Each structure stands twice: as C-alpha cells, then as structure tokens.
Amino acid sequence: MKKYIMAIILGIAFILLTGTSLAANETAQNETYDAGAFQQALEQNGFTVQEGEVGYFDFLKLFNEGVLPSAYGNNPTTKYLIYFVPPAPGYEVDEQIRQITSTLGVKENTTPFWNLGPDEAVVFVGRTAPECRYFSYDSFIMHRTIEGERRWLFANIADTINNLVIKTEGTPNGSSGNPFNQTTIIILTADKDIDQRIRDAAQSAGYSDNIINTQVMASVMLNMGLENDSDTFALFFRPALFNDTQAGDDYITNPPATVFRITPNNTTELDPFDYPELRVRGTGQTEFDLMDDLEELRIAILDKYNESNATELATSQGVPIGSDAIQRGINGVGPTNDAVYLWSANQTASSPTPPFFDTSQYYPFLKDPEITLGNNSSEFIIVYGVNHAATGKATYSNFCIYGADAWNGVKAITDADFSGSAEEYLPDNPNAKYLYVYKLARNCSEDDQYCYEVPSGVGAYGIEPDQPLFIAWRLYMENTTKTGPAYSEIVYDRAIKFDPMSSGNMSS
C-alpha cells in the first residue's frame, strides 16, 4: 500500500514538474516576441530606441494602385518582407513614402527606404520564417545622389544572412541545426563599437551571443548620413517555398518580430567595419555535360510543334551584381549574391535611372523582338532548360513571366512544378530527369500537365494579349558554397515562342 501511495505521489510530482516546465517553455517562447527588456537595456546603454515593424512589401499592389510606377521585377515565389524603420530623431517621413506605408497598412511614421548615420544601427529581433526552401536577409542601396542627380540603384551591398549561415537558437554556430522558426537578432550597422554595445545590451536582456548576427554596412562604399544627398537603404527578407503554406501565410501576415532604429544619445568616436569577406561562388563542377541532352530536347520540342512558326528567344545575364551597380551608378534591379539571374533578352540591364523610375521608358531590348501572347490557342511559349535544383546547382530555381512595360511578375513556375516534365519528350534518355519543359498559354488543354494559363484583364496581376512580355529565370543558392551559383558553371535556360503558321518556314 505504501508503495502504491508513493507511486501516486511521484506521478503527481512528475506531472506538476513537467507541466510547469512546459508552461515555462511556452511563456519563454511568447516572451521572445516581447523585446521590451532588450529595448530597456539599450536605453540604459545610452541609446534612443525607436520601434518600427517588419511587414509585407507588396510590389504588385503598390504598382496596381498607382503608388509606384513599376513592379520592379518582383519574384512571385517570394512575398518580400521589409524593415519599416522610423526616421532618425528630428526627421520626418516624406509624402511619397507615406503613400507607400498607407497603402500597405503599416505604421505611419516609418519608411521602407531610410538613411542611416555612421554611428546608428537597425536591429531585427524575433523569429525566423517557418520551414521553407530558402530565406535571407539582404541589405540594399535604394537611392544615391550622383553629380547632383538622385538615382535609383536598388543594389545589394554585400552577402546575405541566409538559412545556411544564420545564428539562431537552433543554429548557434550558424552552420548546422534548424534555422526555421527560431529566435534571432540581426544587427545592421557600420560601426564596431555600436555593434558591441548592442550585443552587450542584448546579453544583459537575456539573449545569448550565439544567436546574434551582424550585417555590416560597409561605409567605405556607402554614403552614410541623414542629409538629402546621403544614400537611402532598405532591408529585404526573402522567405521562399514554405513547407506548410498556411504557416507561411500566417508568418507573412503577422511576422513575430520587430525592428529597432538605434541612435546613440552622445557623439561617439567612429570605428567602422572593413568591407566583409564574401562567400565565393563556384565549385568547379558544371552542368555542361547536359548540353547534348538539352539540344536533343530542343529538337524534340520543335518537332512536336512543327506546324507552328517558332521564334527562339535570346537568353542573357539579366542584372548586374550589386557592387557593379554601385560603382557604376546604375540600376541594379534588386539582385542578391545568393542568386543567378537570366532573362529572355540579348543584354544585361545597365542604365542610370531616376528615383522610382518608370520601367516602361527603359530597356527597349526587352521588346526586341516584341513578344506577346495572344488569345489564339495556337499561340504559346515553351520554356525549357536544365533543372538546376536537380543538378545540385541551386536550392531552388524558377522562371517567371513578366509584362515588359511594368516588370510585373505574374506567376513563377518553380522546380517543384516542372520536375519530371522533360521525360515525355525524351522517354529513352536517362538524363531527362535533369531537364524540364513548361508551356505558357492563354488556354491549357487537359493533356497539358505542365502548363500555366496566363491571365489578362486583372491589371498588374495579368498580361494583356497585346502587351509585350519577357521571361526571367532565378537560381537560388548552391548548398556547397552557401551563396549563388557561378554563371560560368550553369547551362542557360531557354524559351521558344510559337505562333500559328501563316507563311514561310520556321524562323529562329
């Protein structure tokens, strides 16, 4: 009997202890989102702290509602989150920015494009995205004044903090473990001393130094400051291809994180960071052994649709790397070091453009030849190439159809959508699993398993039959190098426009 009573007592104790532990863990998780102790520690350390927010920057919505003149080549695979940062103490948000924040429904006294003093910082504190194929935090110069002219650069500054390198509760070393849905802190600053003071404040508030990341603003190549001729910056957070779509949507709608603008109350002696060491692209392993297979696939496509007139589109590198755009003062079109960009044109973007430029006035080569997609069922585009995720050159790859005037990305087709699509064309080729074929049309037949119906009559969310268009491809992050693949190691993707045969033979 005594043993029975003792067992009951021990059982109750176990339940109480484990229940308390679970409750404590749940409370600790909820407290992760309350950065009040961190803010208090920063203020005690001599900083003015202003809270902003992390929110969805919906390029298509801003263009569709006339707030921005372009969608700027949005990637439909990614719903971009961005830091909305308060202006520096004593400064105000300008009217055009107020239109952006009002349209997006975020805090009124914040801005997605902000100046930053050489002794200031912007800090992310919260949880990373739920499990997904890829995410990164990436800093950009948005505007720069060059020879008295304010230009739109949209150029990345250095490497990202991505899911393979980030330090979190689940990845304290930044190289292994689980980086998803984990607590992290990311400090964006140009100054070593400011970085250390913020780290000290975070640790005094109970955060481990093992979850703190520093994203260096390399002042050697930036015009830091708060005046009108200073650079303006942005920080984009790109989560892509969530395992659980609903969890991903919930995260985008209500990110469990915040951002602080941190300004020292007293003048500090500057100790700027050097430009950070970059991760090196390339492994020496290429995709070129698939060139013969790709040519076999090309011939099979042309044979299948030999009753149509074919126009084979050019493919080239789409956008410059960020450091190139910064040095030349040209539009970078929002690149990241974690990706390779191709598009159906014969040259790379390279143009000085004014702030919030209208893409319809630039890059005429995107319309040479002018490609449209009419309502005729015999008019369609075949996109094909190497499945770069299957070869291991990318964590994920996609292609997207864009309106050539507004650069509005209507739909992205990812490697998850087109995997296995080439085997119909090359049934006896074992390398068909490394290739893909996909159709873009106004109407897809029941037999077209790998086909997307391009909408029209829906504004920025579609492309009209008489509207010129182009195709763009993205290859994100090679696992081995933890950065983008090397252009010199990939086989370029391709596209063919098919029209009803009227007269003459196939053209290319």
Protein backbone atom coordinates (compact mmCIF):
# COMPACT_ATOMS: atom_id res chain seq x y z
CA MET A 1 0.00 0.00 0.00
CA LYS A 2 2.83 2.38 0.90
CA LYS A 3 4.49 1.66 -2.47
CA TYR A 4 1.19 2.42 -4.23
CA ILE A 5 0.78 5.75 -2.39
CA MET A 6 4.42 6.65 -3.10
CA ALA A 7 3.92 5.91 -6.81
CA ILE A 8 0.89 8.22 -6.88
CA ILE A 9 2.84 10.99 -5.13
CA LEU A 10 5.77 10.62 -7.56
CA GLY A 11 3.38 10.62 -10.51
CA ILE A 12 1.69 13.80 -9.32
CA ALA A 13 5.09 15.41 -8.75
CA PHE A 14 6.20 14.41 -12.25
CA ILE A 15 3.05 15.90 -13.80
CA LEU A 16 3.45 19.11 -11.81
CA LEU A 17 7.12 19.43 -12.70
CA THR A 18 6.74 18.67 -16.39
CA GLY A 19 3.60 20.79 -16.61
CA THR A 20 5.46 23.69 -15.03
CA SER A 21 8.35 23.14 -17.42
CA LEU A 22 6.09 23.10 -20.47
CA ALA A 23 4.30 26.22 -19.25
CA ALA A 24 7.64 27.90 -18.68
CA ASN A 25 8.81 26.96 -22.17
CA GLU A 26 5.59 28.28 -23.69
CA THR A 27 5.94 31.52 -21.70
CA ALA A 28 9.57 31.87 -22.75
CA GLN A 29 8.58 31.39 -26.39
CA ASN A 30 5.92 34.06 -26.13
CA GLU A 31 8.34 36.38 -24.35
CA THR A 32 10.68 36.03 -27.32
CA TYR A 33 8.40 38.37 -29.21
CA ASP A 34 8.39 40.95 -26.38
CA ALA A 35 11.63 42.82 -26.85
CA GLY A 36 10.84 45.27 -24.05
CA ALA A 37 13.73 44.14 -21.86
CA PHE A 38 16.10 44.49 -24.81
CA GLN A 39 14.82 47.99 -25.55
CA GLN A 40 15.20 48.98 -21.89
CA ALA A 41 18.78 47.66 -21.84
CA LEU A 42 19.61 49.65 -24.96
CA GLU A 43 18.20 52.83 -23.46
CA GLN A 44 20.20 52.26 -20.29
CA ASN A 45 23.26 51.88 -22.51
CA GLY A 46 22.81 55.43 -23.85
CA PHE A 47 20.70 54.87 -26.99
CA THR A 48 17.48 56.36 -28.27
CA VAL A 49 15.40 53.40 -29.42
CA GLN A 50 12.52 53.73 -31.90
CA GLU A 51 10.40 50.74 -32.83
CA GLY A 52 9.42 50.03 -36.42
CA GLU A 53 8.00 46.83 -37.84
CA VAL A 54 8.56 44.00 -40.29
CA GLY A 55 5.90 43.94 -43.00
CA TYR A 56 4.97 42.61 -46.43
CA PHE A 57 6.17 44.86 -49.25
CA ASP A 58 3.67 44.07 -51.98
CA PHE A 59 5.21 45.34 -55.23
CA LEU A 60 2.22 44.33 -57.35
CA LYS A 61 -0.28 46.08 -55.08
CA LEU A 62 1.78 49.28 -54.98
CA PHE A 63 2.02 49.33 -58.76
CA ASN A 64 -1.59 48.32 -59.33
CA GLU A 65 -2.82 51.16 -57.11
CA GLY A 66 -0.58 53.74 -58.80
CA VAL A 67 1.73 54.32 -55.83
CA LEU A 68 4.82 53.08 -57.69
CA PRO A 69 5.39 53.30 -61.47
CA SER A 70 6.63 49.71 -61.74
CA ALA A 71 6.64 46.33 -60.01
CA TYR A 72 10.45 46.31 -60.41
CA GLY A 73 10.77 42.67 -61.40
CA ASN A 74 9.09 41.14 -58.36
CA ASN A 75 9.69 37.45 -57.73
CA PRO A 76 6.24 35.81 -57.32
CA THR A 77 7.80 32.87 -55.49
CA THR A 78 8.64 35.23 -52.65
CA LYS A 79 6.42 37.55 -50.65
CA TYR A 80 9.04 40.08 -49.71
CA LEU A 81 9.15 41.24 -46.12
CA ILE A 82 10.90 44.54 -45.49
CA TYR A 83 12.04 46.59 -42.50
CA PHE A 84 9.80 49.62 -41.93
CA VAL A 85 12.11 51.89 -39.97
CA PRO A 86 11.29 55.16 -38.15
CA PRO A 87 13.21 58.22 -39.38
CA ALA A 88 16.12 59.45 -37.26
CA PRO A 89 15.15 61.65 -34.29
CA GLY A 90 14.14 65.10 -35.58
CA TYR A 91 13.43 63.90 -39.13
CA GLU A 92 10.15 63.12 -40.88
CA VAL A 93 8.88 60.70 -43.50
CA ASP A 94 8.27 62.32 -46.88
CA GLU A 95 4.89 62.34 -48.60
CA GLN A 96 5.64 59.71 -51.27
CA ILE A 97 6.75 57.27 -48.59
CA ARG A 98 3.56 57.99 -46.63
CA GLN A 99 1.61 56.82 -49.68
CA ILE A 100 3.52 53.53 -49.60
CA THR A 101 3.02 52.87 -45.90
CA SER A 102 -0.63 53.92 -46.05
CA THR A 103 -1.33 51.58 -48.97
CA LEU A 104 0.41 48.70 -47.20
CA GLY A 105 -1.27 49.42 -43.86
CA VAL A 106 1.90 49.69 -41.77
CA LYS A 107 2.97 52.16 -39.10
CA GLU A 108 2.54 55.69 -40.36
CA ASN A 109 5.79 57.15 -39.07
CA THR A 110 8.02 54.52 -40.67
CA THR A 111 9.68 54.15 -44.04
CA PRO A 112 10.86 51.17 -46.13
CA PHE A 113 13.68 53.35 -47.55
CA TRP A 114 15.76 55.05 -44.87
CA ASN A 115 19.00 56.90 -44.23
CA LEU A 116 21.40 55.66 -41.57
CA GLY A 117 24.06 57.57 -39.71
CA PRO A 118 27.56 56.06 -39.44
CA ASP A 119 27.01 55.52 -35.70
CA GLU A 120 23.44 54.20 -35.91
CA ALA A 121 22.02 50.70 -36.24
CA VAL A 122 18.85 48.92 -37.26
CA VAL A 123 18.18 45.72 -35.34
CA PHE A 124 15.84 42.80 -36.09
CA VAL A 125 14.70 40.79 -33.08
CA GLY A 126 12.22 37.95 -33.34
CA ARG A 127 11.70 34.62 -35.00
CA THR A 128 12.84 33.41 -38.39
CA ALA A 129 10.45 32.06 -41.01
CA PRO A 130 8.76 28.64 -40.70
CA GLU A 131 10.42 25.82 -42.57
CA CYS A 132 10.93 26.72 -46.22
CA ARG A 133 13.34 26.04 -49.05
CA TYR A 134 15.24 29.30 -48.61
CA PHE A 135 15.28 32.59 -46.71
CA SER A 136 17.67 35.51 -46.46
CA TYR A 137 18.09 38.99 -45.02
CA ASP A 138 19.65 41.30 -47.60
CA SER A 139 20.61 44.99 -47.40
CA PHE A 140 20.35 47.36 -50.39
CA ILE A 141 21.20 50.86 -51.50
CA MET A 142 17.95 52.17 -52.97
CA HIS A 143 18.95 55.73 -53.91
CA ARG A 144 22.23 57.58 -54.36
CA THR A 145 22.98 61.16 -55.36
CA ILE A 146 25.49 61.22 -58.22
CA GLU A 147 26.63 64.54 -59.75
CA GLY A 148 23.62 66.25 -58.22
CA GLU A 149 21.14 63.69 -59.60
CA ARG A 150 19.29 61.32 -57.28
CA ARG A 151 19.29 57.87 -58.86
CA TRP A 152 17.55 54.58 -58.22
CA LEU A 153 20.23 51.92 -57.62
CA PHE A 154 18.37 49.01 -55.94
CA ALA A 155 21.73 47.29 -55.49
CA ASN A 156 22.66 44.81 -52.77
CA ILE A 157 25.56 45.83 -50.56
CA ALA A 158 27.22 42.55 -49.55
CA ASP A 159 26.35 38.92 -48.78
CA THR A 160 23.04 37.91 -47.26
CA ILE A 161 22.38 36.29 -43.93
CA ASN A 162 20.60 33.19 -45.20
CA ASN A 163 19.24 30.00 -43.69
CA LEU A 164 22.60 28.23 -44.13
CA VAL A 165 24.67 30.80 -42.22
CA ILE A 166 22.32 32.50 -39.73
CA LYS A 167 22.88 32.15 -35.99
CA THR A 168 19.69 31.29 -34.10
CA GLU A 169 18.61 29.26 -31.09
CA GLY A 170 18.57 26.24 -33.41
CA THR A 171 21.82 27.08 -35.22
CA PRO A 172 24.14 28.68 -32.65
CA ASN A 173 27.16 28.14 -34.88
CA GLY A 174 25.43 29.39 -38.00
CA SER A 175 26.24 26.25 -39.98
CA SER A 176 24.13 23.33 -38.74
CA GLY A 177 20.88 22.58 -37.00
CA ASN A 178 17.42 24.03 -37.57
CA PRO A 179 17.29 27.72 -38.60
CA PHE A 180 13.49 27.83 -39.04
CA ASN A 181 11.05 29.37 -36.57
CA GLN A 182 13.91 30.24 -34.26
CA THR A 183 14.76 33.31 -32.21
CA THR A 184 17.50 35.50 -33.68
CA ILE A 185 18.91 39.02 -33.54
CA ILE A 186 20.42 40.73 -36.59
CA ILE A 187 22.36 43.97 -36.13
CA LEU A 188 22.76 46.17 -39.20
CA THR A 189 25.46 48.79 -38.59
CA ALA A 190 28.65 50.31 -39.96
CA ASP A 191 30.42 50.66 -36.60
CA LYS A 192 32.22 48.05 -34.49
CA ASP A 193 31.71 49.83 -31.17
CA ILE A 194 27.97 50.30 -31.75
CA ASP A 195 27.71 46.63 -32.66
CA GLN A 196 29.43 45.58 -29.42
CA ARG A 197 27.30 47.88 -27.25
CA ILE A 198 24.13 46.41 -28.79
CA ARG A 199 25.42 42.88 -28.21
CA ASP A 200 26.13 43.75 -24.57
CA ALA A 201 22.61 45.14 -24.15
CA ALA A 202 21.09 42.03 -25.72
CA GLN A 203 23.00 39.75 -23.40
CA SER A 204 22.02 41.79 -20.36
CA ALA A 205 18.39 41.33 -21.51
CA GLY A 206 18.83 37.56 -21.53
CA TYR A 207 19.75 36.84 -25.17
CA SER A 208 22.69 34.58 -25.89
CA ASP A 209 25.51 35.96 -28.00
CA ASN A 210 25.25 32.72 -30.02
CA ILE A 211 22.05 33.95 -31.68
CA ILE A 212 23.32 37.43 -32.59
CA ASN A 213 24.32 38.20 -36.19
CA THR A 214 25.97 41.33 -37.58
CA GLN A 215 25.18 42.55 -41.08
CA VAL A 216 27.93 45.00 -41.94
CA MET A 217 27.14 48.29 -43.66
CA ALA A 218 30.50 48.87 -45.31
CA SER A 219 30.90 52.62 -45.02
CA VAL A 220 33.93 52.52 -47.35
CA MET A 221 31.50 52.17 -50.26
CA LEU A 222 28.40 53.87 -48.78
CA ASN A 223 27.40 57.47 -48.20
CA MET A 224 26.22 57.13 -44.62
CA GLY A 225 24.34 60.05 -43.09
CA LEU A 226 20.97 61.72 -42.67
CA GLU A 227 21.10 64.52 -45.24
CA ASN A 228 19.32 64.65 -48.60
CA ASP A 229 22.43 63.60 -50.52
CA SER A 230 23.05 60.55 -48.30
CA ASP A 231 22.30 57.06 -49.57
CA THR A 232 18.95 55.53 -48.70
CA PHE A 233 18.81 51.88 -47.74
CA ALA A 234 16.36 49.00 -47.44
CA LEU A 235 16.46 45.56 -45.88
CA PHE A 236 14.50 42.83 -47.66
CA PHE A 237 13.74 39.47 -46.06
CA ARG A 238 13.04 36.75 -48.66
CA PRO A 239 11.36 33.52 -47.49
CA ALA A 240 10.53 31.15 -50.36
CA LEU A 241 8.58 27.92 -50.78
CA PHE A 242 7.18 27.21 -47.32
CA ASN A 243 6.69 23.55 -46.42
CA ASP A 244 3.39 24.49 -44.76
CA THR A 245 1.64 27.10 -46.91
CA GLN A 246 -0.74 28.21 -44.16
CA ALA A 247 2.10 28.64 -41.66
CA GLY A 248 3.94 30.69 -44.27
CA ASP A 249 0.93 32.89 -44.96
CA ASP A 250 0.45 33.46 -41.24
CA TYR A 251 4.10 34.46 -40.89
CA ILE A 252 3.90 36.92 -43.78
CA THR A 253 0.67 38.44 -42.45
CA ASN A 254 1.90 38.80 -38.88
CA PRO A 255 5.68 38.34 -38.56
CA PRO A 256 6.64 37.53 -34.95
CA ALA A 257 9.44 40.08 -34.96
CA THR A 258 10.17 43.76 -34.71
CA VAL A 259 12.90 46.18 -35.75
CA PHE A 260 14.52 48.97 -33.76
CA ARG A 261 16.28 52.08 -35.00
CA ILE A 262 19.07 52.68 -32.52
CA THR A 263 20.73 56.10 -32.23
CA PRO A 264 23.43 56.96 -29.66
CA ASN A 265 22.50 59.88 -27.41
CA ASN A 266 26.04 61.20 -27.39
CA THR A 267 28.63 61.66 -30.13
CA THR A 268 30.79 58.57 -30.45
CA GLU A 269 34.23 58.05 -31.92
CA LEU A 270 33.71 56.02 -35.08
CA ASP A 271 35.33 52.62 -35.55
CA PRO A 272 33.96 51.44 -38.91
CA PHE A 273 33.95 47.84 -40.08
CA ASP A 274 36.01 46.86 -43.10
CA TYR A 275 34.12 45.52 -46.09
CA PRO A 276 33.12 41.96 -45.09
CA GLU A 277 34.68 38.88 -46.65
CA LEU A 278 32.34 37.40 -49.27
CA ARG A 279 31.40 33.80 -49.79
CA VAL A 280 32.92 32.53 -53.03
CA ARG A 281 30.72 31.35 -55.89
CA GLY A 282 31.54 28.20 -57.79
CA THR A 283 32.61 24.64 -57.07
CA GLY A 284 34.34 23.79 -60.34
CA GLN A 285 31.52 21.36 -61.17
CA THR A 286 29.44 22.43 -64.17
CA GLU A 287 26.23 21.42 -65.93
CA PHE A 288 27.84 21.35 -69.36
CA ASP A 289 27.70 17.58 -69.71
CA LEU A 290 23.95 18.14 -70.26
CA MET A 291 24.41 20.33 -73.35
CA ASP A 292 23.86 17.45 -75.80
CA ASP A 293 20.78 16.35 -73.89
CA LEU A 294 19.43 19.90 -73.95
CA GLU A 295 19.93 20.07 -77.72
CA GLU A 296 18.09 16.76 -78.07
CA LEU A 297 15.26 18.27 -76.01
CA ARG A 298 15.21 21.40 -78.18
CA ILE A 299 14.83 19.30 -81.34
CA ALA A 300 12.07 17.23 -79.71
CA ILE A 301 10.16 20.41 -78.81
CA LEU A 302 10.47 21.83 -82.32
CA ASP A 303 9.39 18.51 -83.82
CA LYS A 304 6.33 18.31 -81.60
CA TYR A 305 5.13 21.76 -82.60
CA ASN A 306 6.37 21.71 -86.20
CA GLU A 307 3.07 23.04 -87.52
CA SER A 308 3.71 26.36 -85.79
CA ASN A 309 6.11 29.17 -86.54
CA ALA A 310 8.90 29.16 -83.92
CA THR A 311 10.91 32.11 -82.64
CA GLU A 312 13.78 31.12 -80.37
CA LEU A 313 14.40 33.83 -77.80
CA ALA A 314 17.81 35.03 -76.69
CA THR A 315 18.98 34.39 -73.12
CA SER A 316 21.49 36.54 -71.25
CA GLN A 317 22.51 37.52 -67.75
CA GLY A 318 19.65 39.71 -66.55
CA VAL A 319 21.04 42.07 -63.93
CA PRO A 320 24.44 43.24 -62.69
CA ILE A 321 25.86 42.22 -59.34
CA GLY A 322 25.34 44.79 -56.60
CA SER A 323 28.93 46.02 -56.36
CA ASP A 324 28.98 46.63 -60.12
CA ALA A 325 25.78 48.69 -59.97
CA ILE A 326 27.05 50.70 -57.00
CA GLN A 327 30.39 51.52 -58.62
CA ARG A 328 28.81 52.48 -61.95
CA GLY A 329 25.81 54.30 -60.51
CA ILE A 330 23.32 52.19 -62.48
CA ASN A 331 20.10 50.40 -61.69
CA GLY A 332 20.89 47.01 -60.13
CA VAL A 333 17.26 45.78 -60.35
CA GLY A 334 17.37 44.24 -56.85
CA PRO A 335 19.96 41.46 -57.15
CA THR A 336 21.30 39.27 -54.36
CA ASN A 337 24.62 37.48 -54.09
CA ASP A 338 22.62 34.31 -53.42
CA ALA A 339 21.21 34.07 -56.94
CA VAL A 340 21.87 33.91 -60.66
CA TYR A 341 19.54 35.90 -62.94
CA LEU A 342 18.81 35.22 -66.60
CA TRP A 343 16.19 36.70 -68.92
CA SER A 344 14.94 36.42 -72.48
CA ALA A 345 16.92 39.32 -73.89
CA ASN A 346 20.25 39.84 -75.58
CA GLN A 347 21.90 42.10 -73.00
CA THR A 348 22.13 42.92 -69.29
CA ALA A 349 20.36 45.80 -67.53
CA SER A 350 22.74 48.76 -67.46
CA SER A 351 21.13 52.16 -67.15
CA PRO A 352 21.32 55.18 -64.81
CA THR A 353 17.71 55.76 -63.77
CA PRO A 354 15.97 58.44 -61.67
CA PRO A 355 14.32 57.65 -58.34
CA PHE A 356 11.21 55.46 -58.64
CA PHE A 357 11.89 55.17 -62.36
CA ASP A 358 9.24 54.10 -64.83
CA THR A 359 10.46 50.82 -66.37
CA SER A 360 8.34 51.35 -69.49
CA GLN A 361 10.79 54.08 -70.56
CA TYR A 362 13.94 51.97 -70.29
CA TYR A 363 15.44 48.72 -71.61
CA PRO A 364 13.92 48.62 -75.11
CA PHE A 365 15.93 45.47 -75.84
CA LEU A 366 13.36 43.56 -73.74
CA LYS A 367 10.95 44.21 -76.62
CA ASP A 368 13.32 43.35 -79.47
CA PRO A 369 11.81 41.23 -80.83
CA GLU A 370 8.49 42.17 -79.24
CA ILE A 371 6.91 39.05 -77.79
CA THR A 372 3.21 38.99 -76.95
CA LEU A 373 0.81 36.20 -76.06
CA GLY A 374 -2.49 36.45 -77.89
CA ASN A 375 -5.70 34.56 -77.27
CA ASN A 376 -5.23 32.23 -80.23
CA SER A 377 -4.94 28.66 -78.93
CA SER A 378 -2.09 28.07 -81.40
CA GLU A 379 -0.03 30.83 -79.78
CA PHE A 380 2.09 29.81 -76.79
CA ILE A 381 5.57 29.87 -75.27
CA ILE A 382 7.65 26.84 -74.35
CA VAL A 383 10.20 27.40 -71.57
CA TYR A 384 12.82 24.70 -71.15
CA GLY A 385 16.25 24.01 -69.78
CA VAL A 386 18.24 22.32 -67.06
CA ASN A 387 16.54 21.71 -63.72
CA HIS A 388 19.23 23.39 -61.64
CA ALA A 389 17.82 22.12 -58.35
CA ALA A 390 18.06 18.55 -59.67
CA THR A 391 21.73 19.04 -60.63
CA GLY A 392 22.52 20.50 -57.20
CA LYS A 393 23.50 23.92 -58.54
CA ALA A 394 20.56 25.61 -56.78
CA THR A 395 18.47 25.20 -53.65
CA TYR A 396 15.54 26.24 -55.79
CA SER A 397 15.09 27.64 -59.27
CA ASN A 398 12.17 29.24 -61.06
CA PHE A 399 11.12 31.12 -64.14
CA CYS A 400 8.60 33.92 -64.31
CA ILE A 401 6.55 35.66 -66.99
CA TYR A 402 6.65 39.47 -66.86
CA GLY A 403 4.93 42.36 -68.54
CA ALA A 404 7.79 44.18 -70.29
CA ASP A 405 6.45 47.67 -69.54
CA ALA A 406 5.85 47.40 -65.79
CA TRP A 407 8.08 44.41 -64.99
CA ASN A 408 5.12 42.87 -63.20
CA GLY A 409 5.86 39.25 -62.35
CA VAL A 410 2.55 37.44 -62.78
CA LYS A 411 3.50 33.87 -61.98
CA ALA A 412 6.64 31.94 -61.09
CA ILE A 413 6.99 28.28 -62.02
CA THR A 414 9.47 26.53 -59.70
CA ASP A 415 11.46 23.34 -59.98
CA ALA A 416 8.79 21.71 -57.78
CA ASP A 417 6.27 22.46 -60.55
CA PHE A 418 8.26 21.24 -63.54
CA SER A 419 10.21 18.30 -62.12
CA GLY A 420 9.76 15.28 -64.42
CA SER A 421 8.35 17.33 -67.30
CA ALA A 422 11.05 16.52 -69.89
CA GLU A 423 10.59 12.76 -69.85
CA GLU A 424 7.63 12.93 -72.24
CA TYR A 425 9.94 14.48 -74.84
CA LEU A 426 12.96 12.26 -74.12
CA PRO A 427 11.48 8.92 -72.94
CA ASP A 428 14.66 6.96 -73.55
CA ASN A 429 17.15 9.50 -72.18
CA PRO A 430 18.20 8.85 -68.55
CA ASN A 431 19.27 12.49 -68.23
CA ALA A 432 15.75 13.74 -68.89
CA LYS A 433 15.30 13.90 -65.10
CA TYR A 434 17.77 16.80 -65.09
CA LEU A 435 15.78 18.80 -67.67
CA TYR A 436 12.36 20.45 -67.81
CA VAL A 437 9.75 21.73 -70.28
CA TYR A 438 6.85 24.05 -69.46
CA LYS A 439 4.16 25.74 -71.51
CA LEU A 440 2.73 29.25 -71.14
CA ALA A 441 -0.60 29.79 -72.92
CA ARG A 442 -3.95 31.52 -72.61
CA ASN A 443 -5.73 28.19 -72.54
CA CYS A 444 -4.20 24.91 -71.40
CA SER A 445 -5.74 21.66 -72.62
CA GLU A 446 -6.45 18.73 -70.32
CA ASP A 447 -3.40 17.00 -71.78
CA ASP A 448 -1.10 19.88 -70.81
CA GLN A 449 0.01 18.76 -67.36
CA TYR A 450 2.89 21.23 -67.36
CA CYS A 451 1.13 24.40 -68.47
CA TYR A 452 0.18 27.78 -66.99
CA GLU A 453 -2.74 29.84 -68.25
CA VAL A 454 -1.57 33.46 -68.35
CA PRO A 455 -4.39 35.75 -67.16
CA SER A 456 -5.45 39.09 -68.60
CA GLY A 457 -7.97 41.74 -67.58
CA VAL A 458 -6.72 41.82 -63.98
CA GLY A 459 -4.35 44.78 -64.04
CA ALA A 460 -0.88 44.14 -62.67
CA TYR A 461 -1.80 40.55 -61.89
CA GLY A 462 -2.01 39.62 -65.56
CA ILE A 463 -0.61 40.41 -69.01
CA GLU A 464 -2.84 41.68 -71.81
CA PRO A 465 -2.80 39.94 -75.24
CA ASP A 466 -1.19 42.97 -76.89
CA GLN A 467 1.24 43.67 -74.04
CA PRO A 468 4.93 42.81 -74.64
CA LEU A 469 6.41 40.33 -72.21
CA PHE A 470 9.63 38.61 -71.26
CA ILE A 471 10.73 35.55 -69.30
CA ALA A 472 13.20 35.65 -66.40
CA TRP A 473 14.93 32.84 -64.52
CA ARG A 474 16.36 32.71 -60.99
CA LEU A 475 18.70 30.13 -59.45
CA TYR A 476 18.98 30.49 -55.69
CA MET A 477 21.88 29.37 -53.52
CA GLU A 478 24.19 26.44 -54.08
CA ASN A 479 24.31 24.46 -50.83
CA THR A 480 28.03 23.72 -51.06
CA THR A 481 29.07 27.39 -51.19
CA LYS A 482 26.09 28.89 -49.29
CA THR A 483 25.82 31.56 -51.96
CA GLY A 484 24.66 31.87 -55.56
CA PRO A 485 25.95 29.50 -58.23
CA ALA A 486 28.58 30.75 -60.66
CA TYR A 487 27.37 31.88 -64.09
CA SER A 488 30.35 30.07 -65.57
CA GLU A 489 29.08 26.71 -64.27
CA ILE A 490 25.45 26.69 -65.38
CA VAL A 491 23.66 25.95 -68.64
CA TYR A 492 21.41 28.86 -69.58
CA ASP A 493 17.66 28.27 -69.71
CA ARG A 494 15.76 28.94 -72.94
CA ALA A 495 12.36 29.83 -74.38
CA ILE A 496 10.63 29.47 -77.77
CA LYS A 497 7.58 31.45 -78.89
CA PHE A 498 5.20 29.51 -81.17
CA ASP A 499 2.71 31.27 -83.44
CA PRO A 500 0.18 29.94 -85.96
CA MET A 501 1.92 29.10 -89.22
CA SER A 502 0.99 31.71 -91.82
CA SER A 503 3.67 31.57 -94.48
CA GLY A 504 7.28 30.58 -94.80
CA ASN A 505 9.18 28.14 -92.64
CA MET A 506 10.38 28.03 -89.08
CA SER A 507 12.43 31.05 -88.00
CA SER A 508 14.96 31.19 -85.22
